[in-house]
N, C-alpha and C. Protein backbone atom coordinates (compact mmCIF):
# COMPACT_ATOMS: atom_id res chain seq x y z
N MET A 1 40.47 16.93 9.16
CA MET A 1 40.41 15.60 8.35
C MET A 1 39.45 15.08 9.13
N THR A 2 39.56 14.75 10.42
CA THR A 2 38.65 14.10 11.11
C THR A 2 37.34 14.56 10.86
N ARG A 3 37.25 15.68 11.17
CA ARG A 3 35.69 16.78 11.01
C ARG A 3 35.29 16.29 9.69
N LEU A 4 35.51 16.15 8.71
CA LEU A 4 35.46 15.80 7.39
C LEU A 4 34.84 14.68 7.25
N HIS A 5 35.58 13.66 7.93
CA HIS A 5 35.34 12.15 7.69
C HIS A 5 33.79 12.39 8.53
N PHE A 6 33.79 13.09 9.87
CA PHE A 6 32.51 12.99 10.53
C PHE A 6 31.15 13.45 9.55
N GLN A 7 31.68 14.39 9.41
CA GLN A 7 30.34 15.01 8.56
C GLN A 7 30.44 13.96 7.26
N GLN A 8 30.82 13.39 6.68
CA GLN A 8 30.54 12.42 5.51
C GLN A 8 29.73 11.23 6.41
N ASN A 9 30.16 10.80 7.38
CA ASN A 9 29.40 9.72 8.21
C ASN A 9 27.84 10.19 8.52
N LEU A 10 28.06 11.59 8.89
CA LEU A 10 26.50 11.90 9.39
C LEU A 10 25.67 12.29 8.27
N GLU A 11 26.07 12.37 6.86
CA GLU A 11 25.53 12.54 5.81
C GLU A 11 24.83 11.04 5.31
N GLU A 12 25.57 10.09 5.63
CA GLU A 12 25.42 9.13 5.44
C GLU A 12 24.23 8.36 6.22
N VAL A 13 24.29 8.98 7.19
CA VAL A 13 23.39 8.33 7.87
C VAL A 13 21.58 9.00 7.48
N LYS A 14 22.16 10.38 7.24
CA LYS A 14 20.77 10.90 6.88
C LYS A 14 20.63 10.38 5.63
N HIS A 15 21.09 9.80 4.61
CA HIS A 15 20.73 9.19 3.38
C HIS A 15 19.96 8.04 3.54
N LYS A 16 20.69 6.85 4.32
CA LYS A 16 20.00 5.94 5.18
C LYS A 16 18.79 6.14 5.40
N VAL A 17 18.57 7.30 6.51
CA VAL A 17 17.18 7.34 7.08
C VAL A 17 16.39 7.67 6.07
N LEU A 18 16.96 8.44 4.73
CA LEU A 18 16.10 8.75 3.62
C LEU A 18 15.39 7.35 2.81
N ARG A 19 16.54 6.47 2.82
CA ARG A 19 16.26 4.87 2.23
C ARG A 19 15.30 4.42 3.15
N MET A 20 15.46 4.50 4.24
CA MET A 20 14.58 3.60 5.36
C MET A 20 13.07 4.25 5.36
N GLY A 21 13.21 5.60 5.01
CA GLY A 21 11.83 6.08 4.57
C GLY A 21 11.23 5.68 3.53
N SER A 22 11.47 5.63 2.50
CA SER A 22 11.11 5.43 1.10
C SER A 22 10.82 4.07 1.26
N LEU A 23 11.30 2.69 2.03
CA LEU A 23 10.78 1.55 1.96
C LEU A 23 9.60 1.77 2.72
N VAL A 24 9.59 2.10 3.89
CA VAL A 24 8.29 2.33 4.45
C VAL A 24 7.28 3.00 3.73
N GLU A 25 7.40 3.93 3.08
CA GLU A 25 6.49 4.55 1.74
C GLU A 25 6.14 3.44 1.42
N VAL A 26 6.96 2.89 0.49
CA VAL A 26 6.32 1.23 -0.13
C VAL A 26 5.72 0.33 0.62
N ILE A 27 6.18 0.18 1.88
CA ILE A 27 5.49 -1.21 2.11
C ILE A 27 4.08 -0.64 2.54
N VAL A 28 3.83 0.52 2.88
CA VAL A 28 2.45 1.34 3.59
C VAL A 28 1.42 1.21 2.19
N ASP A 29 2.19 1.72 1.10
CA ASP A 29 1.48 1.54 0.02
C ASP A 29 1.00 -0.06 -0.61
N LYS A 30 1.93 -0.75 -0.16
CA LYS A 30 1.70 -2.26 -0.42
C LYS A 30 0.43 -3.17 0.26
N ALA A 31 0.58 -2.54 1.30
CA ALA A 31 0.11 -3.09 2.53
C ALA A 31 -1.59 -2.38 2.06
N VAL A 32 -1.77 -1.46 2.24
CA VAL A 32 -2.97 -0.93 1.94
C VAL A 32 -3.41 -1.81 0.81
N THR A 33 -2.97 -1.81 -0.27
CA THR A 33 -3.17 -1.96 -1.67
C THR A 33 -3.73 -3.55 -1.71
N SER A 34 -2.65 -4.25 -1.07
CA SER A 34 -3.16 -5.72 -0.80
C SER A 34 -4.96 -6.03 0.08
N LEU A 35 -4.79 -4.90 1.03
CA LEU A 35 -6.08 -5.18 1.77
C LEU A 35 -7.46 -4.54 0.56
N LYS A 36 -7.11 -3.33 -0.14
CA LYS A 36 -7.85 -2.94 -1.00
C LYS A 36 -8.42 -4.24 -1.85
N GLU A 37 -7.43 -4.71 -2.35
CA GLU A 37 -7.74 -5.74 -3.89
C GLU A 37 -7.86 -7.24 -3.02
N GLN A 38 -7.65 -7.18 -1.90
CA GLN A 38 -7.49 -8.62 -1.44
C GLN A 38 -6.27 -9.49 -1.99
N ASN A 39 -5.45 -8.57 -2.17
CA ASN A 39 -4.31 -9.50 -2.61
C ASN A 39 -3.28 -10.40 -1.72
N LEU A 40 -3.44 -11.65 -1.52
CA LEU A 40 -2.71 -12.47 -0.87
C LEU A 40 -1.36 -12.50 -0.68
N GLU A 41 -1.28 -12.64 -2.14
CA GLU A 41 0.33 -12.86 -2.35
C GLU A 41 1.07 -11.69 -2.01
N LEU A 42 0.74 -10.44 -2.15
CA LEU A 42 1.24 -9.32 -1.93
C LEU A 42 1.41 -9.12 -0.55
N ALA A 43 0.20 -9.18 0.36
CA ALA A 43 0.32 -9.24 1.72
C ALA A 43 1.51 -10.02 2.74
N LYS A 44 1.81 -11.29 1.62
CA LYS A 44 2.59 -12.22 2.15
C LYS A 44 4.01 -11.37 2.02
N THR A 45 4.29 -10.51 1.09
CA THR A 45 5.78 -10.09 0.88
C THR A 45 5.58 -9.07 1.57
N ILE A 46 4.91 -8.40 2.55
CA ILE A 46 5.17 -7.37 3.54
C ILE A 46 5.98 -8.05 4.64
N VAL A 47 6.00 -8.87 5.32
CA VAL A 47 6.60 -9.36 6.15
C VAL A 47 8.30 -9.37 5.77
N GLU A 48 8.53 -9.55 4.83
CA GLU A 48 9.76 -9.58 4.13
C GLU A 48 10.32 -8.32 4.31
N GLU A 49 9.61 -7.21 3.71
CA GLU A 49 10.32 -5.88 3.58
C GLU A 49 10.18 -5.50 4.91
N ASP A 50 9.12 -5.99 6.04
CA ASP A 50 9.53 -5.42 7.37
C ASP A 50 10.90 -5.72 7.84
N ASP A 51 11.50 -7.07 7.47
CA ASP A 51 12.38 -7.53 8.12
C ASP A 51 13.95 -6.56 7.51
N LYS A 52 13.95 -6.29 6.58
CA LYS A 52 14.67 -4.90 5.86
C LYS A 52 14.27 -3.49 6.67
N ILE A 53 13.21 -3.50 6.75
CA ILE A 53 13.29 -2.27 7.28
C ILE A 53 13.74 -2.62 8.85
N ASP A 54 13.57 -3.54 9.71
CA ASP A 54 14.09 -3.82 10.94
C ASP A 54 15.64 -4.03 11.21
N ALA A 55 16.21 -4.12 9.84
CA ALA A 55 17.61 -4.32 9.75
C ALA A 55 18.32 -2.52 9.26
N MET A 56 17.47 -2.05 8.59
CA MET A 56 18.02 -0.81 8.61
C MET A 56 18.16 0.02 10.01
N ASP A 57 16.92 -0.24 10.65
CA ASP A 57 16.80 0.74 12.05
C ASP A 57 18.05 0.03 12.54
N LEU A 58 18.24 -0.96 12.86
CA LEU A 58 19.52 -1.39 13.51
C LEU A 58 20.59 -1.10 13.35
N GLU A 59 21.11 -1.23 11.84
CA GLU A 59 22.01 -0.41 11.51
C GLU A 59 22.17 1.00 11.48
N ILE A 60 21.20 1.81 11.29
CA ILE A 60 21.30 3.25 11.67
C ILE A 60 21.46 3.61 12.95
N GLU A 61 20.85 2.78 13.82
CA GLU A 61 21.55 3.30 15.24
C GLU A 61 22.50 2.70 15.70
N MET A 62 22.95 1.87 15.24
CA MET A 62 24.61 1.54 15.43
C MET A 62 25.37 2.31 14.67
N ASP A 63 25.19 3.05 13.57
CA ASP A 63 26.15 4.14 12.72
C ASP A 63 25.90 5.64 14.02
N CYS A 64 24.82 5.49 14.53
CA CYS A 64 24.59 6.79 15.18
C CYS A 64 24.97 6.97 16.95
N MET A 65 25.28 5.82 17.03
CA MET A 65 25.64 5.60 17.83
C MET A 65 27.24 5.29 18.19
N LYS A 66 28.15 5.23 17.07
CA LYS A 66 29.56 5.00 16.63
C LYS A 66 29.79 6.56 16.53
N LEU A 67 29.29 7.47 15.95
CA LEU A 67 28.83 8.73 15.50
C LEU A 67 29.20 9.40 17.51
N LEU A 68 28.23 9.21 18.14
CA LEU A 68 28.08 9.74 19.79
C LEU A 68 29.01 9.23 20.25
N ALA A 69 29.59 7.77 19.90
CA ALA A 69 30.82 7.79 21.24
C ALA A 69 32.06 8.16 20.46
N LEU A 70 32.32 7.91 19.05
CA LEU A 70 33.73 8.36 18.91
C LEU A 70 34.04 9.66 18.67
N GLN A 71 33.03 10.28 18.11
CA GLN A 71 33.08 11.75 17.81
C GLN A 71 32.74 12.62 18.45
N GLN A 72 31.80 12.44 19.78
CA GLN A 72 31.33 13.61 20.97
C GLN A 72 30.75 14.65 20.17
N PRO A 73 29.76 14.40 19.04
CA PRO A 73 29.32 15.73 18.41
C PRO A 73 28.82 16.88 19.49
N LEU A 74 28.84 17.94 18.90
CA LEU A 74 28.12 18.83 19.56
C LEU A 74 27.17 19.73 18.97
N ALA A 75 26.31 20.37 19.69
CA ALA A 75 24.89 21.40 19.30
C ALA A 75 24.15 20.66 17.98
N LYS A 76 24.46 21.64 16.79
CA LYS A 76 23.74 20.90 15.61
C LYS A 76 23.89 19.85 15.19
N ASP A 77 25.05 18.75 15.13
CA ASP A 77 25.39 17.74 14.71
C ASP A 77 24.69 16.56 15.68
N LEU A 78 24.74 17.18 17.27
CA LEU A 78 24.17 16.04 17.97
C LEU A 78 22.10 15.85 17.91
N ARG A 79 22.01 17.46 17.60
CA ARG A 79 20.40 17.20 17.43
C ARG A 79 20.25 16.29 16.07
N THR A 80 21.21 16.74 14.88
CA THR A 80 20.63 16.06 14.04
C THR A 80 20.83 14.18 14.27
N ILE A 81 21.92 13.73 15.10
CA ILE A 81 21.99 12.31 15.57
C ILE A 81 20.51 11.97 16.44
N ALA A 82 20.23 12.81 17.16
CA ALA A 82 18.99 12.60 18.02
C ALA A 82 17.71 12.42 17.31
N THR A 83 17.55 13.60 16.32
CA THR A 83 16.37 13.10 15.40
C THR A 83 16.47 12.23 14.62
N ALA A 84 17.58 11.90 14.13
CA ALA A 84 17.70 10.42 13.29
C ALA A 84 17.02 9.33 14.00
N LEU A 85 17.64 9.03 15.04
CA LEU A 85 16.89 7.86 16.26
C LEU A 85 15.70 8.07 16.29
N LYS A 86 14.77 9.34 16.76
CA LYS A 86 13.81 9.05 16.97
C LYS A 86 12.91 8.98 15.40
N ILE A 87 13.38 9.38 14.54
CA ILE A 87 12.74 8.91 13.26
C ILE A 87 12.53 7.52 12.86
N ILE A 88 14.02 6.86 12.75
CA ILE A 88 14.26 5.30 12.37
C ILE A 88 13.05 4.77 13.51
N THR A 89 12.92 5.06 14.46
CA THR A 89 12.05 4.51 15.42
C THR A 89 10.72 4.50 15.17
N ASP A 90 10.23 5.67 14.53
CA ASP A 90 8.90 5.79 14.00
C ASP A 90 8.64 5.32 12.85
N LEU A 91 9.13 4.66 12.28
CA LEU A 91 9.78 4.51 10.90
C LEU A 91 9.71 3.23 10.88
N GLU A 92 10.32 2.16 11.90
CA GLU A 92 10.33 1.08 12.49
C GLU A 92 8.94 0.43 12.77
N ARG A 93 8.23 1.15 13.27
CA ARG A 93 6.59 1.41 13.43
C ARG A 93 6.11 1.05 12.84
N MET A 94 5.78 2.24 11.62
CA MET A 94 5.22 2.38 10.76
C MET A 94 4.98 1.15 9.89
N GLY A 95 6.40 0.12 9.89
CA GLY A 95 6.67 -0.93 9.23
C GLY A 95 5.79 -1.82 10.18
N ASP A 96 6.15 -1.92 11.09
CA ASP A 96 5.39 -3.26 11.98
C ASP A 96 3.21 -2.94 11.55
N HIS A 97 2.77 -1.44 11.72
CA HIS A 97 1.66 -1.14 11.32
C HIS A 97 1.29 -1.80 9.80
N ALA A 98 2.18 -1.63 9.21
CA ALA A 98 2.13 -2.55 7.99
C ALA A 98 1.87 -3.89 7.61
N VAL A 99 2.93 -4.47 8.28
CA VAL A 99 2.74 -5.91 8.69
C VAL A 99 1.54 -6.04 8.99
N ASN A 100 0.79 -5.47 10.14
CA ASN A 100 -0.71 -5.63 11.05
C ASN A 100 -1.64 -5.92 9.69
N ILE A 101 -1.48 -4.86 8.68
CA ILE A 101 -2.47 -4.59 7.80
C ILE A 101 -2.44 -5.70 7.05
N SER A 102 -1.19 -6.48 6.49
CA SER A 102 -1.21 -7.34 5.77
C SER A 102 -1.86 -8.64 6.39
N LYS A 103 -1.44 -8.98 7.44
CA LYS A 103 -1.96 -9.96 8.71
C LYS A 103 -3.71 -10.10 8.27
N ILE A 104 -4.05 -8.68 8.61
CA ILE A 104 -5.63 -8.66 8.36
C ILE A 104 -5.81 -8.78 7.25
N THR A 105 -5.15 -8.64 6.45
CA THR A 105 -5.58 -9.02 4.88
C THR A 105 -5.57 -10.98 4.78
N LEU A 106 -4.60 -11.05 4.96
CA LEU A 106 -4.51 -12.56 5.08
C LEU A 106 -5.57 -13.34 6.02
N GLU A 107 -6.17 -12.77 6.88
CA GLU A 107 -7.28 -13.23 7.87
C GLU A 107 -8.61 -13.08 7.29
N ILE A 108 -8.77 -11.85 6.74
CA ILE A 108 -9.97 -11.82 5.32
C ILE A 108 -10.34 -12.63 4.57
N GLY A 109 -8.94 -12.84 4.11
CA GLY A 109 -8.89 -13.71 2.84
C GLY A 109 -9.39 -13.06 1.81
N LYS A 110 -10.22 -14.00 1.18
CA LYS A 110 -11.26 -13.02 -0.17
C LYS A 110 -12.89 -13.11 0.44
N GLU A 111 -12.75 -13.48 1.68
CA GLU A 111 -14.41 -12.67 1.90
C GLU A 111 -14.35 -11.88 1.59
N PRO A 112 -15.64 -11.40 1.32
CA PRO A 112 -16.30 -10.00 1.08
C PRO A 112 -16.14 -8.86 2.14
N LEU A 113 -15.95 -7.92 1.41
CA LEU A 113 -15.45 -7.02 3.01
C LEU A 113 -17.07 -6.02 2.64
N ILE A 114 -17.08 -5.81 3.95
CA ILE A 114 -18.42 -5.43 4.25
C ILE A 114 -18.80 -3.95 3.34
N LYS A 115 -18.05 -3.31 3.20
CA LYS A 115 -18.24 -1.90 2.58
C LYS A 115 -16.53 -2.00 1.81
N PRO A 116 -16.78 -1.14 0.55
CA PRO A 116 -15.62 -0.69 -0.22
C PRO A 116 -14.46 0.08 0.62
N LEU A 117 -13.36 0.08 0.65
CA LEU A 117 -12.50 0.58 0.94
C LEU A 117 -11.82 1.85 0.39
N ILE A 118 -12.73 3.02 1.01
CA ILE A 118 -12.17 4.20 0.44
C ILE A 118 -11.15 5.10 1.50
N ASP A 119 -11.73 4.93 2.27
CA ASP A 119 -11.36 6.19 3.10
C ASP A 119 -9.77 5.72 3.89
N ILE A 120 -9.67 3.97 3.89
CA ILE A 120 -8.08 3.75 4.25
C ILE A 120 -7.07 4.36 3.03
N PRO A 121 -7.09 3.84 2.14
CA PRO A 121 -6.50 4.15 0.66
C PRO A 121 -6.23 5.66 1.00
N ARG A 122 -7.49 6.16 1.04
CA ARG A 122 -6.93 8.08 1.43
C ARG A 122 -5.95 8.52 2.75
N MET A 123 -6.29 7.80 3.82
CA MET A 123 -5.44 8.33 4.89
C MET A 123 -3.97 7.70 4.99
N ALA A 124 -4.00 7.06 3.80
CA ALA A 124 -2.56 6.16 3.69
C ALA A 124 -2.04 6.84 3.00
N LYS A 125 -2.25 7.52 1.80
CA LYS A 125 -2.14 8.79 1.03
C LYS A 125 -1.30 9.82 1.72
N ILE A 126 -2.35 10.39 2.48
CA ILE A 126 -2.09 11.53 3.78
C ILE A 126 -0.89 11.09 4.29
N ALA A 127 -0.83 10.33 4.95
CA ALA A 127 0.76 9.65 5.94
C ALA A 127 1.78 9.30 5.37
N GLN A 128 1.51 9.08 3.52
CA GLN A 128 2.85 8.69 2.88
C GLN A 128 3.42 10.41 2.27
N GLU A 129 2.59 10.86 2.23
CA GLU A 129 3.28 12.35 1.82
C GLU A 129 3.79 12.99 3.10
N MET A 130 3.01 12.88 4.27
CA MET A 130 3.52 13.54 5.86
C MET A 130 4.97 12.56 6.00
N ILE A 131 4.82 11.23 5.39
CA ILE A 131 6.36 10.94 5.73
C ILE A 131 7.40 11.52 4.64
N ARG A 132 7.10 11.53 3.37
CA ARG A 132 8.28 12.34 2.72
C ARG A 132 8.29 13.70 3.14
N LEU A 133 7.36 14.53 3.30
CA LEU A 133 7.33 15.63 3.93
C LEU A 133 8.64 15.96 4.82
N SER A 134 8.43 15.14 5.80
CA SER A 134 9.05 15.05 6.96
C SER A 134 10.61 14.92 6.74
N LEU A 135 10.89 13.39 6.00
CA LEU A 135 12.36 13.14 5.75
C LEU A 135 12.85 14.38 4.93
N ASP A 136 12.00 15.18 3.82
CA ASP A 136 12.53 15.61 3.27
C ASP A 136 13.04 17.20 3.85
N ALA A 137 12.14 17.34 5.09
CA ALA A 137 12.85 18.28 5.89
C ALA A 137 13.84 18.19 6.84
N PHE A 138 14.20 16.93 6.70
CA PHE A 138 15.16 16.37 7.93
C PHE A 138 16.54 16.40 6.94
N VAL A 139 16.23 15.93 5.85
CA VAL A 139 17.64 15.55 5.19
C VAL A 139 18.08 17.00 4.55
N LYS A 140 17.15 18.20 4.01
CA LYS A 140 17.22 19.09 3.69
C LYS A 140 17.64 20.45 4.64
N GLU A 141 17.30 19.93 6.06
CA GLU A 141 17.34 20.82 6.96
C GLU A 141 16.84 22.07 6.68
N ASP A 142 15.18 21.78 6.12
CA ASP A 142 14.37 22.81 5.96
C ASP A 142 13.59 23.21 6.85
N ILE A 143 13.48 24.19 7.65
CA ILE A 143 12.76 24.30 8.97
C ILE A 143 11.41 25.05 8.28
N GLU A 144 11.09 25.77 7.03
CA GLU A 144 10.23 26.12 6.42
C GLU A 144 9.35 24.59 5.94
N LEU A 145 9.52 23.95 5.44
CA LEU A 145 9.19 22.71 5.08
C LEU A 145 8.94 22.03 6.30
N ALA A 146 9.39 22.24 7.40
CA ALA A 146 8.91 21.22 8.88
C ALA A 146 7.81 21.96 9.35
N LYS A 147 7.66 23.03 9.37
CA LYS A 147 6.53 24.04 9.83
C LYS A 147 5.54 23.74 8.87
N LYS A 148 5.07 23.11 7.85
CA LYS A 148 3.97 22.65 7.12
C LYS A 148 3.49 21.30 7.72
N LEU A 149 4.08 20.92 8.21
CA LEU A 149 3.65 19.32 9.00
C LEU A 149 2.60 19.53 9.70
N PRO A 150 2.19 20.11 10.92
CA PRO A 150 1.39 20.57 11.70
C PRO A 150 0.00 20.73 10.60
N ARG A 151 0.18 21.23 9.47
CA ARG A 151 -1.48 21.32 8.43
C ARG A 151 -1.55 19.79 8.07
N TRP A 152 -0.54 19.43 7.63
CA TRP A 152 -0.96 17.76 7.18
C TRP A 152 -1.34 16.56 8.19
N ILE A 153 -1.04 16.94 9.59
CA ILE A 153 -1.32 16.29 10.39
C ILE A 153 -2.98 16.92 10.68
N LYS A 154 -3.00 18.14 11.13
CA LYS A 154 -4.31 18.67 11.05
C LYS A 154 -5.53 17.89 10.07
N ARG A 155 -5.00 17.95 8.50
CA ARG A 155 -5.91 17.25 7.57
C ARG A 155 -5.83 16.37 7.92
N LEU A 156 -4.84 15.21 8.41
CA LEU A 156 -5.45 13.57 8.74
C LEU A 156 -6.57 13.78 9.51
N MET A 157 -6.14 14.36 10.78
CA MET A 157 -7.10 14.13 11.98
C MET A 157 -8.80 14.26 11.32
N ILE A 158 -8.68 15.80 10.37
CA ILE A 158 -10.08 15.93 10.22
C ILE A 158 -10.55 14.91 9.21
N PHE A 159 -9.93 13.97 8.58
CA PHE A 159 -10.06 13.31 7.69
C PHE A 159 -10.67 12.15 8.45
N ILE A 160 -9.80 11.47 9.60
CA ILE A 160 -10.21 10.78 10.60
C ILE A 160 -11.36 10.90 10.93
N ARG A 161 -11.62 11.97 11.60
CA ARG A 161 -12.87 12.25 12.32
C ARG A 161 -14.35 11.81 11.26
N ARG A 162 -13.62 12.75 10.24
CA ARG A 162 -15.32 12.63 9.27
C ARG A 162 -15.54 11.44 8.63
N SER A 163 -14.47 10.17 8.52
CA SER A 163 -14.52 8.80 8.49
C SER A 163 -15.09 7.90 9.38
N LEU A 164 -14.79 8.38 10.66
CA LEU A 164 -15.54 7.60 11.69
C LEU A 164 -17.12 8.15 11.63
N MET A 165 -17.53 9.65 11.47
CA MET A 165 -18.63 9.90 11.51
C MET A 165 -19.49 9.35 10.28
N ASN A 166 -18.95 8.84 9.33
CA ASN A 166 -19.70 8.04 8.47
C ASN A 166 -20.00 6.68 8.72
N PHE A 167 -18.84 5.90 9.71
CA PHE A 167 -18.84 4.82 9.56
C PHE A 167 -20.46 4.36 10.54
């Protein structure tokens, strides 16, 4: 009975990580959209969204700590919890970056941009796809999907290099 309860709690942690990742995808999209469109109202909403991400980070971390302290997981389950803790740290940081983008948007205001934003939205789309693939691989425990991620990273790095060369 206790093991079943543990597995249910572990699945709930996975689903919370997935929800947090979905929110991060949305906030990154909103931040880049606010910058591209110079939408100051949208930029202001990003901070509120980041507060939700921060709260989710703390909640998931507490859930993981409870599982570690009360259930003493071994092997695969321990790796899953450790991975969840690493993922939420990265997701929270991505949310912070979205806030930084929105702050820049607010600083720029309605001043004309030096050049049209083309590369930043493209990079954001690649990053969002990487988030989606990573979370799918984690939740589904899909090793083959996880192996595809280095190609996405390489694609993003090539795109960044090309963008910097054109700057």
